[in-house]
Amino acid sequence: MKKRLFYKECLPNGKRVIYFMGHKLYTYYKYREKLIKTEIEKVEIPARYISDDKLGLYLQEKFFERTGKLFDEKLTGLNEKIIWLQMFDASDLKGRLSDKYGVREYVANTIGKKYLIRLLGHWDSLVDFDIDSLPQKFVLKFSEGSGKNYLVPDKNKINQEQLLYTMRKWALEPYWCNFCEMQYKKNLNKYIAEEYIDTKIEYKLWMFHGECRFIKIEIMCGFAENGKTEKQYGKYFYPDWRPADFSTIGDEPEYEIPKPKKLKELLNIATKLASPFSFVRIDFFETQDGELKFGEMTFSPAAGNIHFEPKDKDKQFGEWLTINNNK
C-alpha cells in the first residue's frame, strides 16, 4: 500500500493530530501557527521557485493551510471546493480559457464571434507594443490573471509613461503564485488591446455543472484616471430574476435593477460555455445598445475567499457542486 503524504488521527480527547510521511506534526488546531519541518520546509519561499516534482506536495500543504482539511477529505463549503479545484483540477483547457486571449477561439466556436469584443492587437512583449497603432480609445489587458486591465477613453489624455510602467508590472509576478490558482500557470501571457465599448452593466453568472444558480449584476459608476472604473455596485439575483437572499462584502443591494431584456439569451449562451465544467463563473457586458459581449471565464472567483452573508450560504452553495477529490 502506498504511503500517504498526509493523514489524520483522531485522539480520545477530540483533538486531531496530523502526520506527514509518518512524522507526527502539530495538533490540528495549532497547525496554522507552525511550519512543517520535514521535506516541505521550502513552503516559505514563493511558489514560483517550487520545482515541478515538489509542486503537488506544496499544493497539499497549502490546501491544508487554507481549509484545515486534507485534500482528499470530504469537502462541504463552496469556498473550499473552489480552492480544491484551483489547486488540483487545473486542466490545460481551463488554462486556455482563463486566458483572455486564449479564450476567444473557444467563445467564437461555441456561441459565435458576435459575442466577442473586437480585438485591436496583441503582443508577446512590450518591445513590440505600439500605442500609435491603436485608435483614440481602447482597453488594454494582460491575458493572465485578474485586475490587469487599463481603460483608455482618450489616448491624448493619458500618461504614456505611467501606462507602460503599469503594463510592465502586470508581467512581473506570475498571478498563479498568489493563491495557487494553477489554471493561470498555463496562460499565454500576452498583452492585448480591445475595442472600447460603452457599458455600465456587467453580468456574472455562477454556473454549477452547466446550470446557472445565481447572477451578480454590477453597475459601474464613473471613471478614474488610473484606467479603472470608479466604483462598482453589485446585487445578486436568481435566474428567474428574484432578488437573492444573500450578498457578499462590498455589495450595495438597496436599489432596484430591472430584469435584462436578453436574460433568456444570456442564460442560454452561458450554459453552452459552461457545459464541460463542474464550476465556472462567466461574465458578460451589456452595451449601451443592449448587445451582450463576453467578458471572461473565471474558475476560482476570489481564489475561494468569498464572504457570503449570511455565512451558511457557503455550505448551501457547496451542496450544488460535486467534485471527485478521491481520484
C-alpha atoms as a PDB file:
ATOM      1  CA  MET A   1       0.000   0.000   0.000  1.00  0.00           C
ATOM      2  CA  LYS A   2       1.391   3.371  -0.995  1.00  0.00           C
ATOM      3  CA  LYS A   3       2.215   5.586   1.987  1.00  0.00           C
ATOM      4  CA  ARG A   4       0.021   8.666   2.123  1.00  0.00           C
ATOM      5  CA  LEU A   5       1.721  12.036   2.364  1.00  0.00           C
ATOM      6  CA  PHE A   6      -0.751  13.351   4.905  1.00  0.00           C
ATOM      7  CA  TYR A   7      -3.077  11.501   7.220  1.00  0.00           C
ATOM      8  CA  LYS A   8      -5.005  12.365  10.349  1.00  0.00           C
ATOM      9  CA  GLU A   9      -5.555  10.618  13.681  1.00  0.00           C
ATOM     10  CA  CYS A  10      -8.446  11.456  15.996  1.00  0.00           C
ATOM     11  CA  LEU A  11      -7.490  11.310  19.696  1.00  0.00           C
ATOM     12  CA  PRO A  12      -9.843  10.319  22.543  1.00  0.00           C
ATOM     13  CA  ASN A  13      -9.932  13.928  23.777  1.00  0.00           C
ATOM     14  CA  GLY A  14     -11.379  15.085  20.463  1.00  0.00           C
ATOM     15  CA  LYS A  15      -8.214  16.671  19.110  1.00  0.00           C
ATOM     16  CA  ARG A  16      -6.732  15.609  15.814  1.00  0.00           C
ATOM     17  CA  VAL A  17      -3.081  15.023  15.043  1.00  0.00           C
ATOM     18  CA  ILE A  18      -1.664  15.398  11.537  1.00  0.00           C
ATOM     19  CA  TYR A  19       1.073  13.116  10.224  1.00  0.00           C
ATOM     20  CA  PHE A  20       3.257  13.862   7.226  1.00  0.00           C
ATOM     21  CA  MET A  21       5.035  10.832   5.719  1.00  0.00           C
ATOM     22  CA  GLY A  22       4.865   9.124   9.100  1.00  0.00           C
ATOM     23  CA  HIS A  23       6.202  12.130  11.029  1.00  0.00           C
ATOM     24  CA  LYS A  24       3.920  13.465  13.746  1.00  0.00           C
ATOM     25  CA  LEU A  25       3.248  17.146  13.234  1.00  0.00           C
ATOM     26  CA  TYR A  26       1.494  19.623  15.466  1.00  0.00           C
ATOM     27  CA  THR A  27      -2.081  19.414  16.672  1.00  0.00           C
ATOM     28  CA  TYR A  28      -4.765  20.218  14.164  1.00  0.00           C
ATOM     29  CA  TYR A  29      -5.750  23.392  15.977  1.00  0.00           C
ATOM     30  CA  LYS A  30      -2.217  24.742  16.289  1.00  0.00           C
ATOM     31  CA  TYR A  31      -1.097  23.784  12.830  1.00  0.00           C
ATOM     32  CA  ARG A  32      -1.648  27.213  11.307  1.00  0.00           C
ATOM     33  CA  GLU A  33       0.890  28.665  13.753  1.00  0.00           C
ATOM     34  CA  LYS A  34       3.571  26.135  12.887  1.00  0.00           C
ATOM     35  CA  LEU A  35       5.601  25.015   9.898  1.00  0.00           C
ATOM     36  CA  ILE A  36       6.231  21.538   8.599  1.00  0.00           C
ATOM     37  CA  LYS A  37       9.929  20.987   9.211  1.00  0.00           C
ATOM     38  CA  THR A  38      10.407  17.900   7.042  1.00  0.00           C
ATOM     39  CA  GLU A  39      10.744  17.705   3.270  1.00  0.00           C
ATOM     40  CA  ILE A  40       8.439  20.622   2.507  1.00  0.00           C
ATOM     41  CA  GLU A  41      10.143  23.288   4.597  1.00  0.00           C
ATOM     42  CA  LYS A  42      10.587  25.231   1.345  1.00  0.00           C
ATOM     43  CA  VAL A  43       6.956  26.326   1.555  1.00  0.00           C
ATOM     44  CA  GLU A  44       8.090  29.697   2.927  1.00  0.00           C
ATOM     45  CA  ILE A  45       9.612  30.662  -0.414  1.00  0.00           C
ATOM     46  CA  PRO A  46       7.397  31.947  -3.238  1.00  0.00           C
ATOM     47  CA  ALA A  47       5.521  29.293  -5.182  1.00  0.00           C
ATOM     48  CA  ARG A  48       7.261  30.200  -8.435  1.00  0.00           C
ATOM     49  CA  TYR A  49      10.513  28.708  -7.047  1.00  0.00           C
ATOM     50  CA  ILE A  50       8.966  25.339  -6.210  1.00  0.00           C
ATOM     51  CA  SER A  51      10.217  22.663  -8.601  1.00  0.00           C
ATOM     52  CA  ASP A  52       7.669  20.670 -10.566  1.00  0.00           C
ATOM     53  CA  ASP A  53       8.418  17.469  -8.650  1.00  0.00           C
ATOM     54  CA  LYS A  54       7.634  19.213  -5.342  1.00  0.00           C
ATOM     55  CA  LEU A  55       4.637  21.168  -6.585  1.00  0.00           C
ATOM     56  CA  GLY A  56       1.992  18.552  -5.737  1.00  0.00           C
ATOM     57  CA  LEU A  57       3.320  18.307  -2.204  1.00  0.00           C
ATOM     58  CA  TYR A  58       3.384  22.072  -1.895  1.00  0.00           C
ATOM     59  CA  LEU A  59      -0.250  22.316  -3.012  1.00  0.00           C
ATOM     60  CA  GLN A  60      -1.351  19.712  -0.467  1.00  0.00           C
ATOM     61  CA  GLU A  61       0.261  21.732   2.314  1.00  0.00           C
ATOM     62  CA  LYS A  62      -1.262  24.979   1.078  1.00  0.00           C
ATOM     63  CA  PHE A  63      -4.698  23.384   0.806  1.00  0.00           C
ATOM     64  CA  PHE A  64      -4.477  22.246   4.421  1.00  0.00           C
ATOM     65  CA  GLU A  65      -3.230  25.667   5.481  1.00  0.00           C
ATOM     66  CA  ARG A  66      -6.203  27.422   3.861  1.00  0.00           C
ATOM     67  CA  THR A  67      -9.013  24.982   4.651  1.00  0.00           C
ATOM     68  CA  GLY A  68      -7.906  22.979   7.672  1.00  0.00           C
ATOM     69  CA  LYS A  69      -8.612  19.802   5.696  1.00  0.00           C
ATOM     70  CA  LEU A  70      -6.593  17.221   3.853  1.00  0.00           C
ATOM     71  CA  PHE A  71      -7.012  17.322   0.106  1.00  0.00           C
ATOM     72  CA  ASP A  72      -8.896  14.012  -0.023  1.00  0.00           C
ATOM     73  CA  GLU A  73     -11.211  14.650   2.943  1.00  0.00           C
ATOM     74  CA  LYS A  74     -14.922  15.228   2.477  1.00  0.00           C
ATOM     75  CA  LEU A  75     -15.431  18.851   1.464  1.00  0.00           C
ATOM     76  CA  THR A  76     -18.648  20.774   2.125  1.00  0.00           C
ATOM     77  CA  GLY A  77     -18.436  24.544   1.585  1.00  0.00           C
ATOM     78  CA  LEU A  78     -18.251  26.201  -1.818  1.00  0.00           C
ATOM     79  CA  ASN A  79     -15.076  28.083  -0.928  1.00  0.00           C
ATOM     80  CA  GLU A  80     -13.081  25.006   0.000  1.00  0.00           C
ATOM     81  CA  LYS A  81     -14.300  23.205  -3.121  1.00  0.00           C
ATOM     82  CA  ILE A  82     -13.204  26.142  -5.289  1.00  0.00           C
ATOM     83  CA  ILE A  83      -9.800  26.039  -3.582  1.00  0.00           C
ATOM     84  CA  TRP A  84      -9.539  22.308  -4.305  1.00  0.00           C
ATOM     85  CA  LEU A  85     -10.482  22.796  -7.963  1.00  0.00           C
ATOM     86  CA  GLN A  86      -7.990  25.614  -8.489  1.00  0.00           C
ATOM     87  CA  MET A  87      -5.170  23.558  -6.993  1.00  0.00           C
ATOM     88  CA  PHE A  88      -5.878  20.015  -8.193  1.00  0.00           C
ATOM     89  CA  ASP A  89      -8.144  20.287 -11.244  1.00  0.00           C
ATOM     90  CA  ALA A  90      -6.390  22.901 -13.364  1.00  0.00           C
ATOM     91  CA  SER A  91      -6.535  21.267 -16.794  1.00  0.00           C
ATOM     92  CA  ASP A  92      -4.898  22.608 -19.937  1.00  0.00           C
ATOM     93  CA  LEU A  93      -8.365  23.583 -21.183  1.00  0.00           C
ATOM     94  CA  LYS A  94      -9.028  25.641 -18.064  1.00  0.00           C
ATOM     95  CA  GLY A  95      -5.648  27.281 -18.533  1.00  0.00           C
ATOM     96  CA  ARG A  96      -6.513  28.292 -22.088  1.00  0.00           C
ATOM     97  CA  LEU A  97      -9.998  29.534 -21.183  1.00  0.00           C
ATOM     98  CA  SER A  98      -8.873  31.562 -18.169  1.00  0.00           C
ATOM     99  CA  ASP A  99      -6.520  33.395 -20.543  1.00  0.00           C
ATOM    100  CA  LYS A 100      -8.211  36.476 -22.012  1.00  0.00           C
ATOM    101  CA  TYR A 101      -6.619  35.881 -25.413  1.00  0.00           C
ATOM    102  CA  GLY A 102      -6.787  32.096 -25.480  1.00  0.00           C
ATOM    103  CA  VAL A 103     -10.496  32.025 -24.609  1.00  0.00           C
ATOM    104  CA  ARG A 104     -11.532  33.927 -27.712  1.00  0.00           C
ATOM    105  CA  GLU A 105     -11.357  30.912 -30.038  1.00  0.00           C
ATOM    106  CA  TYR A 106     -13.491  28.826 -27.656  1.00  0.00           C
ATOM    107  CA  VAL A 107     -16.138  31.557 -27.410  1.00  0.00           C
ATOM    108  CA  ALA A 108     -16.245  32.045 -31.179  1.00  0.00           C
ATOM    109  CA  ASN A 109     -16.620  28.306 -31.821  1.00  0.00           C
ATOM    110  CA  THR A 110     -19.157  27.728 -29.035  1.00  0.00           C
ATOM    111  CA  ILE A 111     -21.550  30.695 -29.165  1.00  0.00           C
ATOM    112  CA  GLY A 112     -20.319  32.806 -32.099  1.00  0.00           C
ATOM    113  CA  LYS A 113     -17.956  35.675 -32.871  1.00  0.00           C
ATOM    114  CA  LYS A 114     -20.683  38.289 -32.412  1.00  0.00           C
ATOM    115  CA  TYR A 115     -20.308  37.990 -28.636  1.00  0.00           C
ATOM    116  CA  LEU A 116     -16.605  38.880 -28.710  1.00  0.00           C
ATOM    117  CA  ILE A 117     -15.337  42.411 -28.210  1.00  0.00           C
ATOM    118  CA  ARG A 118     -13.317  43.359 -31.283  1.00  0.00           C
ATOM    119  CA  LEU A 119      -9.604  42.652 -30.915  1.00  0.00           C
ATOM    120  CA  LEU A 120      -7.357  45.576 -31.917  1.00  0.00           C
ATOM    121  CA  GLY A 121      -3.970  43.969 -31.378  1.00  0.00           C
ATOM    122  CA  HIS A 122      -1.915  41.526 -29.330  1.00  0.00           C
ATOM    123  CA  TRP A 123       1.765  41.430 -28.355  1.00  0.00           C
ATOM    124  CA  ASP A 124       4.032  38.923 -26.636  1.00  0.00           C
ATOM    125  CA  SER A 125       6.319  41.680 -25.372  1.00  0.00           C
ATOM    126  CA  LEU A 126       6.206  45.407 -24.680  1.00  0.00           C
ATOM    127  CA  VAL A 127       9.092  45.771 -27.108  1.00  0.00           C
ATOM    128  CA  ASP A 128       6.589  45.261 -29.921  1.00  0.00           C
ATOM    129  CA  PHE A 129       3.806  47.364 -28.378  1.00  0.00           C
ATOM    130  CA  ASP A 130       2.923  50.442 -30.469  1.00  0.00           C
ATOM    131  CA  ILE A 131       0.320  52.736 -28.966  1.00  0.00           C
ATOM    132  CA  ASP A 132       0.239  54.842 -32.145  1.00  0.00           C
ATOM    133  CA  SER A 133      -1.307  51.901 -33.989  1.00  0.00           C
ATOM    134  CA  LEU A 134      -4.361  51.992 -31.713  1.00  0.00           C
ATOM    135  CA  PRO A 135      -7.469  54.177 -32.085  1.00  0.00           C
ATOM    136  CA  GLN A 136      -8.307  57.142 -29.882  1.00  0.00           C
ATOM    137  CA  LYS A 137      -9.983  54.983 -27.243  1.00  0.00           C
ATOM    138  CA  PHE A 138      -9.351  51.338 -26.375  1.00  0.00           C
ATOM    139  CA  VAL A 139      -8.878  48.907 -23.496  1.00  0.00           C
ATOM    140  CA  LEU A 140      -5.531  47.272 -22.696  1.00  0.00           C
ATOM    141  CA  LYS A 141      -5.346  43.946 -20.879  1.00  0.00           C
ATOM    142  CA  PHE A 142      -2.815  41.367 -19.815  1.00  0.00           C
ATOM    143  CA  SER A 143      -4.216  37.988 -20.772  1.00  0.00           C
ATOM    144  CA  GLU A 144      -3.166  36.361 -17.470  1.00  0.00           C
ATOM    145  CA  GLY A 145      -4.784  36.975 -14.109  1.00  0.00           C
ATOM    146  CA  SER A 146      -7.358  39.381 -12.737  1.00  0.00           C
ATOM    147  CA  GLY A 147      -7.423  43.159 -12.490  1.00  0.00           C
ATOM    148  CA  LYS A 148      -4.741  43.615 -15.140  1.00  0.00           C
ATOM    149  CA  ASN A 149      -6.572  45.994 -17.458  1.00  0.00           C
ATOM    150  CA  TYR A 150      -6.422  49.671 -18.336  1.00  0.00           C
ATOM    151  CA  LEU A 151      -9.276  51.682 -19.832  1.00  0.00           C
ATOM    152  CA  VAL A 152      -8.230  54.435 -22.239  1.00  0.00           C
ATOM    153  CA  PRO A 153     -11.220  56.657 -23.169  1.00  0.00           C
ATOM    154  CA  ASP A 154      -8.930  59.273 -24.744  1.00  0.00           C
ATOM    155  CA  LYS A 155      -5.402  58.422 -25.834  1.00  0.00           C
ATOM    156  CA  ASN A 156      -4.343  62.080 -25.825  1.00  0.00           C
ATOM    157  CA  LYS A 157      -5.137  62.465 -22.118  1.00  0.00           C
ATOM    158  CA  ILE A 158      -3.211  59.555 -20.656  1.00  0.00           C
ATOM    159  CA  ASN A 159       0.291  59.495 -19.243  1.00  0.00           C
ATOM    160  CA  GLN A 160       2.014  57.046 -21.580  1.00  0.00           C
ATOM    161  CA  GLU A 161       4.977  56.608 -19.265  1.00  0.00           C
ATOM    162  CA  GLN A 162       2.657  55.634 -16.419  1.00  0.00           C
ATOM    163  CA  LEU A 163       0.757  53.317 -18.736  1.00  0.00           C
ATOM    164  CA  LEU A 164       3.925  51.457 -19.769  1.00  0.00           C
ATOM    165  CA  TYR A 165       5.003  51.224 -16.132  1.00  0.00           C
ATOM    166  CA  THR A 166       1.661  49.620 -15.262  1.00  0.00           C
ATOM    167  CA  MET A 167       1.923  47.176 -18.168  1.00  0.00           C
ATOM    168  CA  ARG A 168       5.422  46.123 -17.078  1.00  0.00           C
ATOM    169  CA  LYS A 169       4.144  45.404 -13.580  1.00  0.00           C
ATOM    170  CA  TRP A 170       1.487  43.062 -14.981  1.00  0.00           C
ATOM    171  CA  ALA A 171       4.159  40.628 -16.178  1.00  0.00           C
ATOM    172  CA  LEU A 172       6.497  40.781 -13.173  1.00  0.00           C
ATOM    173  CA  GLU A 173       4.748  38.405 -10.764  1.00  0.00           C
ATOM    174  CA  PRO A 174       3.115  35.203 -12.034  1.00  0.00           C
ATOM    175  CA  TYR A 175      -0.512  35.523 -10.979  1.00  0.00           C
ATOM    176  CA  TRP A 176      -0.930  31.850 -10.139  1.00  0.00           C
ATOM    177  CA  CYS A 177       1.555  32.149  -7.274  1.00  0.00           C
ATOM    178  CA  ASN A 178      -0.648  34.379  -5.118  1.00  0.00           C
ATOM    179  CA  PHE A 179      -3.209  31.745  -4.092  1.00  0.00           C
ATOM    180  CA  CYS A 180      -2.109  28.681  -6.095  1.00  0.00           C
ATOM    181  CA  GLU A 181      -4.697  29.189  -8.839  1.00  0.00           C
ATOM    182  CA  MET A 182      -2.970  26.673 -11.049  1.00  0.00           C
ATOM    183  CA  GLN A 183      -5.015  27.323 -14.194  1.00  0.00           C
ATOM    184  CA  TYR A 184      -3.210  30.667 -14.542  1.00  0.00           C
ATOM    185  CA  LYS A 185       0.148  28.860 -14.641  1.00  0.00           C
ATOM    186  CA  LYS A 186      -0.892  27.648 -18.108  1.00  0.00           C
ATOM    187  CA  ASN A 187      -1.774  31.116 -19.516  1.00  0.00           C
ATOM    188  CA  LEU A 188      -0.265  32.648 -22.661  1.00  0.00           C
ATOM    189  CA  ASN A 189       0.767  35.938 -21.033  1.00  0.00           C
ATOM    190  CA  LYS A 190       0.034  38.287 -23.911  1.00  0.00           C
ATOM    191  CA  TYR A 191      -0.765  41.985 -23.986  1.00  0.00           C
ATOM    192  CA  ILE A 192      -4.000  42.602 -25.837  1.00  0.00           C
ATOM    193  CA  ALA A 193      -5.975  45.647 -26.899  1.00  0.00           C
ATOM    194  CA  GLU A 194      -9.737  45.529 -27.390  1.00  0.00           C
ATOM    195  CA  GLU A 195     -12.330  47.931 -28.650  1.00  0.00           C
ATOM    196  CA  TYR A 196     -13.603  50.371 -26.022  1.00  0.00           C
ATOM    197  CA  ILE A 197     -17.297  49.646 -25.551  1.00  0.00           C
ATOM    198  CA  ASP A 198     -19.699  51.972 -23.772  1.00  0.00           C
ATOM    199  CA  THR A 199     -21.179  49.912 -20.961  1.00  0.00           C
ATOM    200  CA  LYS A 200     -22.123  50.321 -17.337  1.00  0.00           C
ATOM    201  CA  ILE A 201     -23.563  46.858 -16.710  1.00  0.00           C
ATOM    202  CA  GLU A 202     -21.793  43.553 -16.198  1.00  0.00           C
ATOM    203  CA  TYR A 203     -23.472  40.191 -15.533  1.00  0.00           C
ATOM    204  CA  LYS A 204     -21.569  37.488 -13.651  1.00  0.00           C
ATOM    205  CA  LEU A 205     -23.255  34.092 -13.973  1.00  0.00           C
ATOM    206  CA  TRP A 206     -22.310  31.432 -11.425  1.00  0.00           C
ATOM    207  CA  MET A 207     -22.545  28.089 -13.216  1.00  0.00           C
ATOM    208  CA  PHE A 208     -22.699  24.755 -11.358  1.00  0.00           C
ATOM    209  CA  HIS A 209     -22.446  21.685 -13.615  1.00  0.00           C
ATOM    210  CA  GLY A 210     -23.653  23.747 -16.573  1.00  0.00           C
ATOM    211  CA  GLU A 211     -26.596  25.290 -14.710  1.00  0.00           C
ATOM    212  CA  CYS A 212     -26.808  28.928 -13.654  1.00  0.00           C
ATOM    213  CA  ARG A 213     -27.648  29.080  -9.950  1.00  0.00           C
ATOM    214  CA  PHE A 214     -27.410  32.842  -9.464  1.00  0.00           C
ATOM    215  CA  ILE A 215     -26.275  36.010 -11.216  1.00  0.00           C
ATOM    216  CA  LYS A 216     -24.434  39.011  -9.865  1.00  0.00           C
ATOM    217  CA  ILE A 217     -25.059  42.256 -11.694  1.00  0.00           C
ATOM    218  CA  GLU A 218     -22.519  45.054 -11.299  1.00  0.00           C
ATOM    219  CA  ILE A 219     -23.156  48.681 -12.139  1.00  0.00           C
ATOM    220  CA  MET A 220     -20.040  50.657 -12.988  1.00  0.00           C
ATOM    221  CA  CYS A 221     -20.188  54.261 -11.848  1.00  0.00           C
ATOM    222  CA  GLY A 222     -17.773  56.803 -13.288  1.00  0.00           C
ATOM    223  CA  PHE A 223     -14.197  56.566 -14.486  1.00  0.00           C
ATOM    224  CA  ALA A 224     -10.920  57.014 -12.647  1.00  0.00           C
ATOM    225  CA  GLU A 225      -7.694  58.438 -14.098  1.00  0.00           C
ATOM    226  CA  ASN A 226      -5.760  55.251 -13.345  1.00  0.00           C
ATOM    227  CA  GLY A 227      -7.577  53.338 -16.072  1.00  0.00           C
ATOM    228  CA  LYS A 228     -10.122  51.715 -13.752  1.00  0.00           C
ATOM    229  CA  THR A 229     -13.828  52.190 -13.197  1.00  0.00           C
ATOM    230  CA  GLU A 230     -14.540  54.410 -10.200  1.00  0.00           C
ATOM    231  CA  LYS A 231     -16.842  52.074  -8.247  1.00  0.00           C
ATOM    232  CA  GLN A 232     -18.991  49.029  -8.803  1.00  0.00           C
ATOM    233  CA  TYR A 233     -22.267  48.307  -7.040  1.00  0.00           C
ATOM    234  CA  GLY A 234     -23.338  44.700  -7.000  1.00  0.00           C
ATOM    235  CA  LYS A 235     -26.556  42.807  -6.412  1.00  0.00           C
ATOM    236  CA  TYR A 236     -27.421  39.101  -6.711  1.00  0.00           C
ATOM    237  CA  PHE A 237     -30.420  37.552  -8.441  1.00  0.00           C
ATOM    238  CA  TYR A 238     -31.652  34.028  -9.071  1.00  0.00           C
ATOM    239  CA  PRO A 239     -32.081  33.001 -12.747  1.00  0.00           C
ATOM    240  CA  ASP A 240     -35.780  33.933 -12.689  1.00  0.00           C
ATOM    241  CA  TRP A 241     -34.682  37.399 -11.536  1.00  0.00           C
ATOM    242  CA  ARG A 242     -35.906  37.073  -7.977  1.00  0.00           C
ATOM    243  CA  PRO A 243     -33.638  39.126  -5.704  1.00  0.00           C
ATOM    244  CA  ALA A 244     -31.299  36.742  -3.916  1.00  0.00           C
ATOM    245  CA  ASP A 245     -31.469  36.261  -0.152  1.00  0.00           C
ATOM    246  CA  PHE A 246     -27.730  36.777   0.293  1.00  0.00           C
ATOM    247  CA  SER A 247     -24.963  39.224  -0.506  1.00  0.00           C
ATOM    248  CA  THR A 248     -21.189  39.484  -0.402  1.00  0.00           C
ATOM    249  CA  ILE A 249     -18.979  42.051   1.268  1.00  0.00           C
ATOM    250  CA  GLY A 250     -18.933  45.333  -0.640  1.00  0.00           C
ATOM    251  CA  ASP A 251     -22.326  44.915  -2.289  1.00  0.00           C
ATOM    252  CA  GLU A 252     -24.837  47.740  -2.450  1.00  0.00           C
ATOM    253  CA  PRO A 253     -28.188  45.915  -2.534  1.00  0.00           C
ATOM    254  CA  GLU A 254     -30.659  48.714  -1.762  1.00  0.00           C
ATOM    255  CA  TYR A 255     -31.841  49.748  -5.200  1.00  0.00           C
ATOM    256  CA  GLU A 256     -33.992  48.277  -7.931  1.00  0.00           C
ATOM    257  CA  ILE A 257     -32.487  46.753 -11.068  1.00  0.00           C
ATOM    258  CA  PRO A 258     -34.795  45.907 -13.979  1.00  0.00           C
ATOM    259  CA  LYS A 259     -34.819  42.425 -15.480  1.00  0.00           C
ATOM    260  CA  PRO A 260     -32.485  42.224 -18.517  1.00  0.00           C
ATOM    261  CA  LYS A 261     -34.319  42.150 -21.836  1.00  0.00           C
ATOM    262  CA  LYS A 262     -31.984  39.400 -23.051  1.00  0.00           C
ATOM    263  CA  LEU A 263     -31.990  37.291 -19.880  1.00  0.00           C
ATOM    264  CA  LYS A 264     -33.038  34.107 -21.723  1.00  0.00           C
ATOM    265  CA  GLU A 265     -30.263  34.563 -24.292  1.00  0.00           C
ATOM    266  CA  LEU A 266     -27.769  35.312 -21.527  1.00  0.00           C
ATOM    267  CA  LEU A 267     -28.606  32.083 -19.700  1.00  0.00           C
ATOM    268  CA  ASN A 268     -28.512  30.061 -22.913  1.00  0.00           C
ATOM    269  CA  ILE A 269     -25.072  31.147 -24.075  1.00  0.00           C
ATOM    270  CA  ALA A 270     -23.608  30.848 -20.576  1.00  0.00           C
ATOM    271  CA  THR A 271     -24.882  27.265 -20.373  1.00  0.00           C
ATOM    272  CA  LYS A 272     -23.163  26.397 -23.664  1.00  0.00           C
ATOM    273  CA  LEU A 273     -19.859  27.824 -22.480  1.00  0.00           C
ATOM    274  CA  ALA A 274     -20.056  26.191 -19.055  1.00  0.00           C
ATOM    275  CA  SER A 275     -21.232  22.725 -20.070  1.00  0.00           C
ATOM    276  CA  PRO A 276     -17.798  20.971 -19.868  1.00  0.00           C
ATOM    277  CA  PHE A 277     -17.102  22.168 -16.312  1.00  0.00           C
ATOM    278  CA  SER A 278     -18.300  21.407 -12.791  1.00  0.00           C
ATOM    279  CA  PHE A 279     -17.971  25.076 -11.834  1.00  0.00           C
ATOM    280  CA  VAL A 280     -17.185  28.351 -13.574  1.00  0.00           C
ATOM    281  CA  ARG A 281     -18.286  31.966 -13.399  1.00  0.00           C
ATOM    282  CA  ILE A 282     -18.938  33.530 -16.802  1.00  0.00           C
ATOM    283  CA  ASP A 283     -19.058  37.308 -17.263  1.00  0.00           C
ATOM    284  CA  PHE A 284     -20.852  39.325 -19.925  1.00  0.00           C
ATOM    285  CA  PHE A 285     -21.124  43.058 -20.537  1.00  0.00           C
ATOM    286  CA  GLU A 286     -24.274  44.740 -21.782  1.00  0.00           C
ATOM    287  CA  THR A 287     -23.535  47.573 -24.196  1.00  0.00           C
ATOM    288  CA  GLN A 288     -25.478  50.829 -24.404  1.00  0.00           C
ATOM    289  CA  ASP A 289     -27.447  49.466 -27.373  1.00  0.00           C
ATOM    290  CA  GLY A 290     -28.386  46.293 -25.473  1.00  0.00           C
ATOM    291  CA  GLU A 291     -25.932  43.845 -27.042  1.00  0.00           C
ATOM    292  CA  LEU A 292     -24.208  41.146 -24.967  1.00  0.00           C
ATOM    293  CA  LYS A 293     -20.413  40.943 -25.085  1.00  0.00           C
ATOM    294  CA  PHE A 294     -18.291  38.237 -23.489  1.00  0.00           C
ATOM    295  CA  GLY A 295     -16.022  39.300 -20.632  1.00  0.00           C
ATOM    296  CA  GLU A 296     -14.180  36.309 -19.173  1.00  0.00           C
ATOM    297  CA  MET A 297     -14.405  32.833 -17.660  1.00  0.00           C
ATOM    298  CA  THR A 298     -13.331  32.625 -14.021  1.00  0.00           C
ATOM    299  CA  PHE A 299     -12.773  29.203 -12.480  1.00  0.00           C
ATOM    300  CA  SER A 300     -11.838  30.390  -8.989  1.00  0.00           C
ATOM    301  CA  PRO A 301     -13.678  33.611  -8.021  1.00  0.00           C
ATOM    302  CA  ALA A 302     -11.803  35.468  -5.262  1.00  0.00           C
ATOM    303  CA  ALA A 303      -9.492  32.423  -5.108  1.00  0.00           C
ATOM    304  CA  GLY A 304     -12.053  30.674  -2.902  1.00  0.00           C
ATOM    305  CA  ASN A 305     -12.214  33.509  -0.379  1.00  0.00           C
ATOM    306  CA  ILE A 306     -15.807  34.649  -0.946  1.00  0.00           C
ATOM    307  CA  HIS A 307     -17.518  36.229   2.052  1.00  0.00           C
ATOM    308  CA  PHE A 308     -21.199  35.363   1.782  1.00  0.00           C
ATOM    309  CA  GLU A 309     -23.758  36.914   4.087  1.00  0.00           C
ATOM    310  CA  PRO A 310     -25.335  35.020   5.747  1.00  0.00           C
ATOM    311  CA  LYS A 311     -22.321  32.762   6.196  1.00  0.00           C
ATOM    312  CA  ASP A 312     -24.274  29.487   5.988  1.00  0.00           C
ATOM    313  CA  LYS A 313     -24.817  30.151   2.272  1.00  0.00           C
ATOM    314  CA  ASP A 314     -21.294  28.872   1.650  1.00  0.00           C
ATOM    315  CA  LYS A 315     -22.346  25.398   2.770  1.00  0.00           C
ATOM    316  CA  GLN A 316     -25.624  25.560   0.814  1.00  0.00           C
ATOM    317  CA  PHE A 317     -23.850  26.523  -2.387  1.00  0.00           C
ATOM    318  CA  GLY A 318     -21.254  23.829  -1.733  1.00  0.00           C
ATOM    319  CA  GLU A 319     -24.030  21.222  -1.966  1.00  0.00           C
ATOM    320  CA  TRP A 320     -24.604  22.291  -5.569  1.00  0.00           C
ATOM    321  CA  LEU A 321     -21.024  21.448  -6.547  1.00  0.00           C
ATOM    322  CA  THR A 322     -19.859  17.829  -6.771  1.00  0.00           C
ATOM    323  CA  ILE A 323     -16.150  17.166  -7.097  1.00  0.00           C
ATOM    324  CA  ASN A 324     -14.150  13.931  -7.109  1.00  0.00           C
ATOM    325  CA  ASN A 325     -11.290  14.647  -4.730  1.00  0.00           C
ATOM    326  CA  ASN A 326     -10.515  10.967  -4.161  1.00  0.00           C
ATOM    327  CA  LYS A 327      -9.067  10.473  -7.636  1.00  0.00           C
END
